[in-house]
């Protein structure tokens, strides 16, 4: 029986647009694309999310390697919250519905320490009963250890959890850890798939 619903944050509960954000930092498209190829690469993002180094430390190291972007890199750090465009439509209502039905609501996100500014600003992220943040745990999806940490930390049974994420690899990671999981597309599709799965696992 599914008792707990576990949500990724980015592109599931809050949306973001790095292209729009970076356009406010670097006007020239060619230069902006080069900057994005570095700072938005999977390798760089995973490094900031893993938490072995703080985001600030990583930025300082990058400024040494790319001194011509010193100002832009500082803005990329200081204004990071501006990449968030708002709540994903329909998800607040769904979470409230699930809470009223008695489901545990948890968060499991890959994010640097800047996530706490986002949590403070966007109250949908405050609806979680508890959460796991990769940079805090120094573990990252889709490694099995982070899903196990969620269960261990909050006394959850993996088989009683349903996880959703917009990245297929993270969904597969949850399944490998023994959870039910759904790839997130939009609120309406997720709601339909979720209640179908809940009904089949009562």
N, C-alpha and C. Protein backbone atom coordinates (compact mmCIF):
# COMPACT_ATOMS: atom_id res chain seq x y z
N UNK A 1 0.84 -1.21 0.00
CA UNK A 1 0.00 0.00 0.00
C UNK A 1 0.87 1.26 0.00
N UNK A 2 0.55 2.19 -0.86
CA UNK A 2 1.28 3.45 -0.91
C UNK A 2 0.77 4.38 0.19
N UNK A 3 1.70 4.83 1.02
CA UNK A 3 1.35 5.72 2.14
C UNK A 3 2.00 7.09 2.04
N UNK A 4 3.06 7.18 1.25
CA UNK A 4 3.84 8.42 1.17
C UNK A 4 4.12 8.80 -0.28
N UNK A 5 3.98 10.09 -0.57
CA UNK A 5 4.28 10.61 -1.90
C UNK A 5 5.52 11.49 -1.77
N UNK A 6 6.53 11.19 -2.59
CA UNK A 6 7.82 11.88 -2.51
C UNK A 6 8.04 12.68 -3.79
N UNK A 7 8.27 13.98 -3.62
CA UNK A 7 8.36 14.89 -4.76
C UNK A 7 9.76 15.44 -4.95
N UNK A 8 10.22 15.41 -6.20
CA UNK A 8 11.34 16.25 -6.61
C UNK A 8 10.84 17.70 -6.53
N UNK A 9 11.75 18.67 -6.52
CA UNK A 9 11.35 20.08 -6.44
C UNK A 9 11.30 20.75 -7.82
N UNK A 10 12.47 20.84 -8.49
CA UNK A 10 12.56 21.57 -9.75
C UNK A 10 11.82 20.88 -10.88
N UNK A 11 10.99 21.64 -11.57
CA UNK A 11 10.17 21.16 -12.69
C UNK A 11 9.04 20.23 -12.25
N UNK A 12 8.86 20.08 -10.93
CA UNK A 12 7.76 19.29 -10.38
C UNK A 12 6.90 20.16 -9.48
N UNK A 13 7.52 20.85 -8.54
CA UNK A 13 6.79 21.75 -7.65
C UNK A 13 7.03 23.21 -7.98
N UNK A 14 8.26 23.53 -8.37
CA UNK A 14 8.56 24.89 -8.84
C UNK A 14 9.24 24.79 -10.20
N UNK A 15 8.95 25.73 -11.07
CA UNK A 15 9.53 25.72 -12.41
C UNK A 15 10.73 26.66 -12.46
N UNK A 16 11.60 26.47 -13.44
CA UNK A 16 12.75 27.35 -13.61
C UNK A 16 13.06 27.52 -15.09
N UNK A 17 13.77 28.61 -15.39
CA UNK A 17 14.12 28.93 -16.77
C UNK A 17 15.51 29.56 -16.77
N UNK A 18 16.53 28.73 -16.95
CA UNK A 18 17.90 29.24 -16.91
C UNK A 18 18.21 30.12 -18.12
N UNK A 19 17.60 29.84 -19.27
CA UNK A 19 17.86 30.67 -20.45
C UNK A 19 17.43 32.11 -20.20
N UNK A 20 16.24 32.27 -19.67
CA UNK A 20 15.74 33.61 -19.36
C UNK A 20 16.61 34.28 -18.31
N UNK A 21 16.96 33.52 -17.27
CA UNK A 21 17.79 34.05 -16.19
C UNK A 21 19.15 34.51 -16.71
N UNK A 22 19.80 33.67 -17.51
CA UNK A 22 21.12 34.01 -18.02
C UNK A 22 21.09 35.20 -18.97
N UNK A 23 19.95 35.38 -19.64
CA UNK A 23 19.84 36.53 -20.55
C UNK A 23 19.87 37.86 -19.80
N UNK A 24 19.59 37.83 -18.51
CA UNK A 24 19.66 39.05 -17.70
C UNK A 24 21.08 39.30 -17.18
N UNK A 25 21.95 38.31 -17.37
CA UNK A 25 23.33 38.43 -16.91
C UNK A 25 24.26 38.70 -18.08
N UNK A 26 24.04 38.01 -19.20
CA UNK A 26 24.89 38.15 -20.39
C UNK A 26 24.00 38.42 -21.59
N UNK A 27 24.18 39.57 -22.21
CA UNK A 27 23.32 39.96 -23.32
C UNK A 27 23.67 39.24 -24.61
N UNK A 28 24.96 39.12 -24.91
CA UNK A 28 25.40 38.49 -26.16
C UNK A 28 25.08 36.99 -26.15
N UNK A 29 24.34 36.53 -27.15
CA UNK A 29 23.89 35.14 -27.15
C UNK A 29 25.03 34.15 -27.26
N UNK A 30 26.01 34.42 -28.09
CA UNK A 30 27.13 33.50 -28.26
C UNK A 30 27.90 33.34 -26.94
N UNK A 31 28.14 34.45 -26.28
CA UNK A 31 28.85 34.40 -25.00
C UNK A 31 27.97 33.71 -23.94
N UNK A 32 26.68 34.02 -23.99
CA UNK A 32 25.74 33.41 -23.03
C UNK A 32 25.69 31.90 -23.21
N UNK A 33 25.70 31.45 -24.45
CA UNK A 33 25.69 30.01 -24.71
C UNK A 33 26.96 29.34 -24.19
N UNK A 34 28.08 30.01 -24.33
CA UNK A 34 29.34 29.47 -23.82
C UNK A 34 29.33 29.40 -22.29
N UNK A 35 28.78 30.43 -21.68
CA UNK A 35 28.66 30.48 -20.21
C UNK A 35 27.74 29.36 -19.73
N UNK A 36 26.63 29.16 -20.43
CA UNK A 36 25.67 28.11 -20.07
C UNK A 36 26.26 26.72 -20.25
N UNK A 37 27.08 26.56 -21.28
CA UNK A 37 27.71 25.26 -21.54
C UNK A 37 28.58 24.83 -20.36
N UNK A 38 29.10 25.82 -19.65
CA UNK A 38 29.90 25.54 -18.45
C UNK A 38 29.01 25.38 -17.21
N UNK A 39 28.27 26.43 -16.89
CA UNK A 39 27.56 26.48 -15.60
C UNK A 39 26.30 25.63 -15.54
N UNK A 40 25.74 25.31 -16.69
CA UNK A 40 24.52 24.51 -16.72
C UNK A 40 24.78 23.08 -17.19
N UNK A 41 26.05 22.72 -17.33
CA UNK A 41 26.38 21.35 -17.73
C UNK A 41 26.03 20.40 -16.59
N UNK A 42 25.74 19.16 -16.92
CA UNK A 42 25.40 18.17 -15.90
C UNK A 42 26.52 18.02 -14.89
N UNK A 43 27.75 18.03 -15.37
CA UNK A 43 28.90 17.87 -14.48
C UNK A 43 28.95 19.01 -13.44
N UNK A 44 28.75 20.24 -13.91
CA UNK A 44 28.83 21.40 -13.02
C UNK A 44 27.66 21.41 -12.04
N UNK A 45 26.46 21.14 -12.55
CA UNK A 45 25.27 21.14 -11.70
C UNK A 45 25.36 20.03 -10.65
N UNK A 46 25.80 18.85 -11.07
CA UNK A 46 25.96 17.75 -10.11
C UNK A 46 26.97 18.11 -9.02
N UNK A 47 28.01 18.81 -9.42
CA UNK A 47 29.04 19.23 -8.45
C UNK A 47 28.45 20.19 -7.41
N UNK A 48 27.66 21.13 -7.85
CA UNK A 48 27.05 22.07 -6.90
C UNK A 48 26.00 21.38 -6.04
N UNK A 49 25.29 20.42 -6.63
CA UNK A 49 24.24 19.73 -5.88
C UNK A 49 24.78 18.73 -4.87
N UNK A 50 25.96 18.18 -5.15
CA UNK A 50 26.51 17.12 -4.28
C UNK A 50 26.89 17.64 -2.89
N UNK A 51 27.34 18.89 -2.83
CA UNK A 51 27.58 19.49 -1.53
C UNK A 51 28.93 19.20 -0.90
N UNK A 52 29.83 18.51 -1.62
CA UNK A 52 31.18 18.32 -1.08
C UNK A 52 31.90 19.66 -0.96
N UNK A 53 31.54 20.59 -1.82
CA UNK A 53 32.00 21.97 -1.74
C UNK A 53 30.74 22.85 -1.79
N UNK A 54 30.80 24.01 -1.17
CA UNK A 54 29.64 24.90 -1.25
C UNK A 54 29.58 25.51 -2.65
N UNK A 55 28.41 25.96 -3.02
CA UNK A 55 28.23 26.63 -4.31
C UNK A 55 29.15 27.84 -4.39
N UNK A 56 29.28 28.57 -3.29
CA UNK A 56 30.14 29.76 -3.27
C UNK A 56 31.60 29.38 -3.55
N UNK A 57 32.05 28.27 -2.95
CA UNK A 57 33.43 27.82 -3.18
C UNK A 57 33.64 27.43 -4.64
N UNK A 58 32.67 26.76 -5.21
CA UNK A 58 32.78 26.34 -6.61
C UNK A 58 32.84 27.56 -7.52
N UNK A 59 32.03 28.55 -7.24
CA UNK A 59 32.03 29.79 -8.03
C UNK A 59 33.39 30.48 -7.94
N UNK A 60 33.96 30.55 -6.73
CA UNK A 60 35.26 31.19 -6.56
C UNK A 60 36.33 30.47 -7.37
N UNK A 61 36.30 29.15 -7.36
CA UNK A 61 37.26 28.37 -8.14
C UNK A 61 37.06 28.62 -9.64
N UNK A 62 35.81 28.72 -10.05
CA UNK A 62 35.51 28.95 -11.47
C UNK A 62 35.95 30.35 -11.90
N UNK A 63 35.84 31.31 -10.99
CA UNK A 63 36.29 32.68 -11.29
C UNK A 63 37.79 32.73 -11.55
N UNK A 64 38.54 31.89 -10.86
CA UNK A 64 39.99 31.83 -11.08
C UNK A 64 40.29 31.26 -12.46
N UNK A 65 39.52 30.25 -12.85
CA UNK A 65 39.73 29.61 -14.16
C UNK A 65 39.22 30.45 -15.32
N UNK A 66 38.17 31.23 -15.05
CA UNK A 66 37.55 32.05 -16.10
C UNK A 66 37.43 33.50 -15.60
N UNK A 67 38.56 34.20 -15.43
CA UNK A 67 38.53 35.55 -14.85
C UNK A 67 37.71 36.55 -15.66
N UNK A 68 37.56 36.32 -16.97
CA UNK A 68 36.77 37.25 -17.79
C UNK A 68 35.28 37.17 -17.46
N UNK A 69 34.89 36.13 -16.73
CA UNK A 69 33.49 35.98 -16.31
C UNK A 69 33.33 36.20 -14.80
N UNK A 70 34.28 36.85 -14.18
CA UNK A 70 34.24 36.99 -12.72
C UNK A 70 32.94 37.64 -12.25
N UNK A 71 32.57 38.74 -12.87
CA UNK A 71 31.35 39.46 -12.50
C UNK A 71 30.11 38.61 -12.77
N UNK A 72 30.08 38.00 -13.96
CA UNK A 72 28.92 37.21 -14.36
C UNK A 72 28.74 35.99 -13.46
N UNK A 73 29.84 35.35 -13.08
CA UNK A 73 29.76 34.19 -12.19
C UNK A 73 29.25 34.59 -10.81
N UNK A 74 29.67 35.76 -10.36
CA UNK A 74 29.18 36.24 -9.05
C UNK A 74 27.68 36.48 -9.11
N UNK A 75 27.21 37.07 -10.19
CA UNK A 75 25.77 37.29 -10.35
C UNK A 75 25.02 35.96 -10.44
N UNK A 76 25.62 35.01 -11.15
CA UNK A 76 25.03 33.69 -11.28
C UNK A 76 24.82 33.06 -9.91
N UNK A 77 25.73 33.30 -9.01
CA UNK A 77 25.60 32.81 -7.63
C UNK A 77 24.59 33.63 -6.84
N UNK A 78 24.79 34.93 -6.82
CA UNK A 78 24.01 35.80 -5.93
C UNK A 78 22.54 35.89 -6.31
N UNK A 79 22.25 35.77 -7.61
CA UNK A 79 20.87 35.96 -8.09
C UNK A 79 20.20 34.64 -8.48
N UNK A 80 20.75 33.52 -8.02
CA UNK A 80 20.29 32.21 -8.44
C UNK A 80 18.78 32.02 -8.31
N UNK A 81 18.19 32.59 -7.27
CA UNK A 81 16.75 32.40 -7.04
C UNK A 81 15.91 32.97 -8.19
N UNK A 82 16.49 33.90 -8.96
CA UNK A 82 15.75 34.51 -10.06
C UNK A 82 15.49 33.56 -11.21
N UNK A 83 16.16 32.41 -11.21
CA UNK A 83 15.89 31.44 -12.28
C UNK A 83 14.55 30.74 -12.05
N UNK A 84 14.02 30.80 -10.82
CA UNK A 84 12.73 30.19 -10.52
C UNK A 84 11.61 31.09 -11.06
N UNK A 85 10.69 30.50 -11.81
CA UNK A 85 9.63 31.29 -12.43
C UNK A 85 8.29 31.18 -11.70
N UNK A 86 8.19 30.28 -10.73
CA UNK A 86 6.95 30.15 -9.97
C UNK A 86 6.59 28.70 -9.70
N UNK A 87 5.45 28.50 -9.07
CA UNK A 87 4.97 27.15 -8.80
C UNK A 87 4.55 26.45 -10.09
N UNK A 88 4.69 25.14 -10.12
CA UNK A 88 4.15 24.36 -11.24
C UNK A 88 2.63 24.33 -11.06
N UNK A 89 1.87 24.80 -12.06
CA UNK A 89 0.41 24.90 -11.93
C UNK A 89 -0.24 23.56 -11.54
N UNK A 90 -1.14 23.65 -10.58
CA UNK A 90 -1.92 22.49 -10.16
C UNK A 90 -1.30 21.66 -9.06
N UNK A 91 -0.02 21.88 -8.77
CA UNK A 91 0.63 21.00 -7.79
C UNK A 91 0.30 21.35 -6.34
N UNK A 92 0.09 22.62 -6.04
CA UNK A 92 -0.30 22.98 -4.67
C UNK A 92 -1.63 22.32 -4.32
N UNK A 93 -2.59 22.41 -5.24
CA UNK A 93 -3.91 21.84 -5.00
C UNK A 93 -3.83 20.32 -4.81
N UNK A 94 -2.99 19.68 -5.61
CA UNK A 94 -2.85 18.23 -5.50
C UNK A 94 -2.22 17.84 -4.18
N UNK A 95 -1.20 18.56 -3.75
CA UNK A 95 -0.57 18.25 -2.47
C UNK A 95 -1.56 18.41 -1.33
N UNK A 96 -2.34 19.48 -1.36
CA UNK A 96 -3.33 19.68 -0.30
C UNK A 96 -4.36 18.57 -0.30
N UNK A 97 -4.75 18.10 -1.47
CA UNK A 97 -5.70 16.99 -1.58
C UNK A 97 -5.09 15.72 -0.98
N UNK A 98 -3.85 15.45 -1.31
CA UNK A 98 -3.19 14.26 -0.80
C UNK A 98 -3.00 14.32 0.72
N UNK A 99 -2.68 15.50 1.22
CA UNK A 99 -2.53 15.66 2.66
C UNK A 99 -3.86 15.41 3.38
N UNK A 100 -4.94 15.90 2.77
CA UNK A 100 -6.27 15.70 3.38
C UNK A 100 -6.68 14.24 3.39
N UNK A 101 -6.09 13.47 2.48
CA UNK A 101 -6.36 12.03 2.40
C UNK A 101 -5.47 11.21 3.33
N UNK A 102 -4.54 11.89 3.99
CA UNK A 102 -3.70 11.23 4.97
C UNK A 102 -2.36 10.74 4.47
N UNK A 103 -1.98 11.09 3.25
CA UNK A 103 -0.68 10.66 2.74
C UNK A 103 0.45 11.50 3.33
N UNK A 104 1.58 10.85 3.59
CA UNK A 104 2.78 11.58 3.97
C UNK A 104 3.35 12.27 2.73
N UNK A 105 3.80 13.50 2.89
CA UNK A 105 4.30 14.28 1.76
C UNK A 105 5.76 14.64 2.03
N UNK A 106 6.64 14.18 1.15
CA UNK A 106 8.08 14.35 1.36
C UNK A 106 8.74 14.97 0.12
N UNK A 107 9.87 15.62 0.34
CA UNK A 107 10.65 16.18 -0.75
C UNK A 107 11.98 15.47 -0.86
N UNK A 108 12.45 15.27 -2.07
CA UNK A 108 13.77 14.66 -2.33
C UNK A 108 14.36 15.37 -3.53
N UNK A 109 15.28 16.29 -3.27
CA UNK A 109 15.76 17.16 -4.34
C UNK A 109 17.27 17.19 -4.44
N UNK A 110 17.77 17.25 -5.68
CA UNK A 110 19.16 17.59 -5.94
C UNK A 110 19.23 19.11 -6.03
N UNK A 111 19.92 19.75 -5.09
CA UNK A 111 20.00 21.21 -5.11
C UNK A 111 21.16 21.65 -4.23
N UNK A 112 21.78 22.75 -4.59
CA UNK A 112 22.83 23.34 -3.75
C UNK A 112 22.17 23.99 -2.54
N UNK A 113 23.00 24.58 -1.69
CA UNK A 113 22.47 25.22 -0.48
C UNK A 113 21.56 26.41 -0.79
N UNK A 114 21.54 26.88 -2.04
CA UNK A 114 20.65 27.97 -2.40
C UNK A 114 19.18 27.57 -2.34
N UNK A 115 18.90 26.27 -2.21
CA UNK A 115 17.51 25.80 -2.14
C UNK A 115 16.76 26.43 -0.97
N UNK A 116 17.46 26.78 0.10
CA UNK A 116 16.76 27.29 1.28
C UNK A 116 16.15 28.67 1.03
N UNK A 117 16.76 29.45 0.13
CA UNK A 117 16.16 30.73 -0.26
C UNK A 117 14.89 30.48 -1.06
N UNK A 118 14.92 29.43 -1.89
CA UNK A 118 13.75 29.08 -2.69
C UNK A 118 12.62 28.59 -1.80
N UNK A 119 12.96 27.75 -0.82
CA UNK A 119 11.96 27.25 0.13
C UNK A 119 11.31 28.40 0.89
N UNK A 120 12.12 29.36 1.26
CA UNK A 120 11.61 30.51 2.01
C UNK A 120 10.64 31.34 1.16
N UNK A 121 10.92 31.46 -0.13
CA UNK A 121 10.10 32.31 -0.99
C UNK A 121 8.86 31.60 -1.52
N UNK A 122 8.99 30.30 -1.81
CA UNK A 122 7.88 29.56 -2.43
C UNK A 122 7.27 28.59 -1.42
N UNK A 123 6.13 28.96 -0.89
CA UNK A 123 5.54 28.22 0.23
C UNK A 123 5.08 26.82 -0.13
N UNK A 124 4.93 26.51 -1.42
CA UNK A 124 4.56 25.15 -1.80
C UNK A 124 5.61 24.16 -1.28
N UNK A 125 6.86 24.60 -1.20
CA UNK A 125 7.93 23.73 -0.72
C UNK A 125 7.90 23.58 0.80
N UNK A 126 7.11 24.41 1.46
CA UNK A 126 6.96 24.31 2.91
C UNK A 126 5.84 23.36 3.30
N UNK A 127 5.15 22.79 2.30
CA UNK A 127 4.06 21.86 2.57
C UNK A 127 4.56 20.44 2.83
N UNK A 128 5.87 20.22 2.62
CA UNK A 128 6.43 18.90 2.86
C UNK A 128 6.42 18.57 4.34
N UNK A 129 6.15 17.30 4.69
CA UNK A 129 6.29 16.87 6.07
C UNK A 129 7.77 16.84 6.46
N UNK A 130 8.61 16.53 5.50
CA UNK A 130 10.06 16.51 5.69
C UNK A 130 10.70 16.45 4.31
N UNK A 131 12.02 16.67 4.26
CA UNK A 131 12.69 16.69 2.96
C UNK A 131 14.13 16.23 3.09
N UNK A 132 14.67 15.78 1.98
CA UNK A 132 16.08 15.45 1.85
C UNK A 132 16.65 16.34 0.75
N UNK A 133 17.73 17.06 1.05
CA UNK A 133 18.41 17.92 0.08
C UNK A 133 19.79 17.33 -0.18
N UNK A 134 20.11 17.12 -1.43
CA UNK A 134 21.36 16.45 -1.79
C UNK A 134 22.60 17.11 -1.18
N UNK A 135 22.68 18.44 -1.26
CA UNK A 135 23.87 19.13 -0.78
C UNK A 135 24.03 19.03 0.73
N UNK A 136 22.92 18.82 1.42
CA UNK A 136 22.96 18.66 2.88
C UNK A 136 23.43 17.25 3.26
N UNK A 137 22.98 16.27 2.48
CA UNK A 137 23.32 14.87 2.76
C UNK A 137 24.61 14.43 2.08
N UNK A 138 25.08 15.23 1.11
CA UNK A 138 26.25 14.89 0.30
C UNK A 138 26.03 13.58 -0.46
N UNK A 139 24.81 13.43 -0.89
CA UNK A 139 24.40 12.31 -1.73
C UNK A 139 23.56 12.90 -2.84
N UNK A 140 23.47 12.20 -3.98
CA UNK A 140 22.78 12.80 -5.11
C UNK A 140 21.99 11.74 -5.88
N UNK A 141 20.81 12.12 -6.34
CA UNK A 141 20.06 11.24 -7.24
C UNK A 141 20.83 11.12 -8.56
N UNK A 142 20.82 9.97 -9.20
CA UNK A 142 20.02 8.78 -8.91
C UNK A 142 20.74 7.71 -8.09
N UNK A 143 21.77 8.09 -7.29
CA UNK A 143 22.44 7.11 -6.45
C UNK A 143 21.44 6.51 -5.46
N UNK A 144 21.50 5.22 -5.28
CA UNK A 144 20.55 4.56 -4.39
C UNK A 144 20.64 5.11 -2.97
N UNK A 145 21.82 5.50 -2.55
CA UNK A 145 22.02 5.91 -1.16
C UNK A 145 21.12 7.06 -0.73
N UNK A 146 20.77 7.96 -1.65
CA UNK A 146 19.95 9.10 -1.24
C UNK A 146 18.49 8.69 -1.00
N UNK A 147 18.01 7.71 -1.77
CA UNK A 147 16.65 7.21 -1.54
C UNK A 147 16.61 6.42 -0.23
N UNK A 148 17.65 5.65 0.01
CA UNK A 148 17.74 4.91 1.27
C UNK A 148 17.81 5.87 2.45
N UNK A 149 18.54 6.97 2.28
CA UNK A 149 18.68 7.96 3.37
C UNK A 149 17.31 8.55 3.72
N UNK A 150 16.51 8.85 2.71
CA UNK A 150 15.16 9.37 2.96
C UNK A 150 14.38 8.42 3.86
N UNK A 151 14.40 7.14 3.52
CA UNK A 151 13.64 6.15 4.28
C UNK A 151 14.21 5.98 5.69
N UNK A 152 15.52 5.92 5.79
CA UNK A 152 16.15 5.74 7.10
C UNK A 152 15.92 6.93 8.01
N UNK A 153 16.03 8.12 7.44
CA UNK A 153 15.94 9.34 8.25
C UNK A 153 14.54 9.56 8.81
N UNK A 154 13.52 9.16 8.02
CA UNK A 154 12.14 9.46 8.42
C UNK A 154 11.31 8.21 8.71
N UNK A 155 11.99 7.07 8.81
CA UNK A 155 11.31 5.84 9.18
C UNK A 155 10.28 5.37 8.17
N UNK A 156 10.61 5.49 6.90
CA UNK A 156 9.69 5.10 5.83
C UNK A 156 10.06 3.73 5.26
N UNK A 157 9.06 3.04 4.77
CA UNK A 157 9.27 1.80 4.04
C UNK A 157 9.26 2.14 2.56
N UNK A 158 10.33 1.79 1.85
CA UNK A 158 10.44 2.16 0.43
C UNK A 158 9.25 1.68 -0.38
N UNK A 159 8.75 0.49 -0.08
CA UNK A 159 7.64 -0.09 -0.85
C UNK A 159 6.33 0.66 -0.63
N UNK A 160 6.30 1.51 0.39
CA UNK A 160 5.10 2.30 0.69
C UNK A 160 5.24 3.74 0.17
N UNK A 161 6.31 4.00 -0.58
CA UNK A 161 6.56 5.35 -1.11
C UNK A 161 6.39 5.38 -2.62
N UNK A 162 5.81 6.47 -3.10
CA UNK A 162 5.76 6.74 -4.53
C UNK A 162 6.54 8.02 -4.79
N UNK A 163 7.50 7.95 -5.70
CA UNK A 163 8.37 9.07 -6.00
C UNK A 163 8.08 9.60 -7.40
N UNK A 164 8.16 10.91 -7.57
CA UNK A 164 8.02 11.49 -8.91
C UNK A 164 9.12 12.51 -9.17
N UNK A 165 9.59 12.52 -10.41
CA UNK A 165 10.70 13.38 -10.82
C UNK A 165 10.56 13.59 -12.33
N UNK A 166 11.07 14.70 -12.84
CA UNK A 166 10.99 14.96 -14.28
C UNK A 166 12.13 14.32 -15.05
N UNK A 167 13.11 13.74 -14.34
CA UNK A 167 14.26 13.12 -15.01
C UNK A 167 14.14 11.59 -14.93
N UNK A 168 14.13 10.92 -16.10
CA UNK A 168 13.98 9.46 -16.11
C UNK A 168 14.99 8.72 -15.25
N UNK A 169 16.25 9.17 -15.23
CA UNK A 169 17.28 8.48 -14.45
C UNK A 169 16.95 8.48 -12.97
N UNK A 170 16.36 9.57 -12.49
CA UNK A 170 16.02 9.66 -11.07
C UNK A 170 14.82 8.78 -10.72
N UNK A 171 13.90 8.65 -11.67
CA UNK A 171 12.76 7.75 -11.49
C UNK A 171 13.26 6.30 -11.44
N UNK A 172 14.18 5.97 -12.33
CA UNK A 172 14.75 4.63 -12.35
C UNK A 172 15.51 4.35 -11.06
N UNK A 173 16.18 5.37 -10.52
CA UNK A 173 16.90 5.22 -9.27
C UNK A 173 15.97 4.89 -8.11
N UNK A 174 14.81 5.54 -8.10
CA UNK A 174 13.82 5.27 -7.05
C UNK A 174 13.29 3.84 -7.15
N UNK A 175 13.02 3.40 -8.37
CA UNK A 175 12.53 2.03 -8.58
C UNK A 175 13.57 1.02 -8.11
N UNK A 176 14.84 1.29 -8.42
CA UNK A 176 15.91 0.40 -7.99
C UNK A 176 16.03 0.34 -6.48
N UNK A 177 15.61 1.42 -5.81
CA UNK A 177 15.65 1.47 -4.35
C UNK A 177 14.40 0.87 -3.71
N UNK A 178 13.49 0.35 -4.54
CA UNK A 178 12.31 -0.33 -4.02
C UNK A 178 11.05 0.51 -3.94
N UNK A 179 11.08 1.73 -4.50
CA UNK A 179 9.91 2.60 -4.46
C UNK A 179 9.06 2.42 -5.71
N UNK A 180 7.80 2.80 -5.62
CA UNK A 180 6.99 3.03 -6.81
C UNK A 180 7.46 4.38 -7.36
N UNK A 181 7.33 4.60 -8.66
CA UNK A 181 7.79 5.87 -9.21
C UNK A 181 7.07 6.20 -10.50
N UNK A 182 6.90 7.50 -10.73
CA UNK A 182 6.28 8.00 -11.95
C UNK A 182 7.10 9.15 -12.51
N UNK A 183 7.29 9.16 -13.82
CA UNK A 183 7.95 10.28 -14.47
C UNK A 183 6.97 11.44 -14.54
N UNK A 184 7.38 12.60 -14.04
CA UNK A 184 6.50 13.76 -14.01
C UNK A 184 6.49 14.48 -15.35
N UNK A 185 5.28 14.75 -15.84
CA UNK A 185 5.12 15.51 -17.09
C UNK A 185 4.39 16.83 -16.80
N UNK A 186 3.24 16.75 -16.17
CA UNK A 186 2.48 17.92 -15.75
C UNK A 186 1.53 17.47 -14.65
N UNK A 187 0.90 18.42 -13.97
CA UNK A 187 0.08 18.10 -12.80
C UNK A 187 -1.10 17.20 -13.16
N UNK A 188 -1.78 17.50 -14.25
CA UNK A 188 -2.97 16.73 -14.61
C UNK A 188 -2.62 15.28 -14.94
N UNK A 189 -1.56 15.08 -15.71
CA UNK A 189 -1.14 13.72 -16.05
C UNK A 189 -0.67 12.98 -14.82
N UNK A 190 0.10 13.66 -13.98
CA UNK A 190 0.59 13.01 -12.76
C UNK A 190 -0.56 12.61 -11.85
N UNK A 191 -1.54 13.50 -11.70
CA UNK A 191 -2.67 13.18 -10.83
C UNK A 191 -3.39 11.93 -11.32
N UNK A 192 -3.62 11.85 -12.61
CA UNK A 192 -4.31 10.69 -13.19
C UNK A 192 -3.51 9.42 -12.97
N UNK A 193 -2.22 9.46 -13.27
CA UNK A 193 -1.37 8.27 -13.12
C UNK A 193 -1.22 7.89 -11.65
N UNK A 194 -1.11 8.90 -10.80
CA UNK A 194 -0.95 8.65 -9.36
C UNK A 194 -2.16 7.92 -8.79
N UNK A 195 -3.36 8.44 -9.07
CA UNK A 195 -4.55 7.83 -8.48
C UNK A 195 -4.83 6.46 -9.08
N UNK A 196 -4.43 6.25 -10.32
CA UNK A 196 -4.53 4.91 -10.90
C UNK A 196 -3.64 3.94 -10.15
N UNK A 197 -2.41 4.37 -9.88
CA UNK A 197 -1.45 3.53 -9.17
C UNK A 197 -1.86 3.32 -7.71
N UNK A 198 -2.34 4.36 -7.07
CA UNK A 198 -2.80 4.25 -5.69
C UNK A 198 -3.94 3.23 -5.60
N UNK A 199 -4.86 3.32 -6.53
CA UNK A 199 -5.99 2.41 -6.54
C UNK A 199 -5.58 0.96 -6.73
N UNK A 200 -4.54 0.77 -7.52
CA UNK A 200 -4.06 -0.60 -7.79
C UNK A 200 -3.20 -1.16 -6.66
N UNK A 201 -2.78 -0.28 -5.75
CA UNK A 201 -1.90 -0.73 -4.67
C UNK A 201 -2.49 -0.55 -3.29
N UNK A 202 -3.81 -0.59 -3.21
CA UNK A 202 -4.46 -0.52 -1.90
C UNK A 202 -4.44 -1.89 -1.23
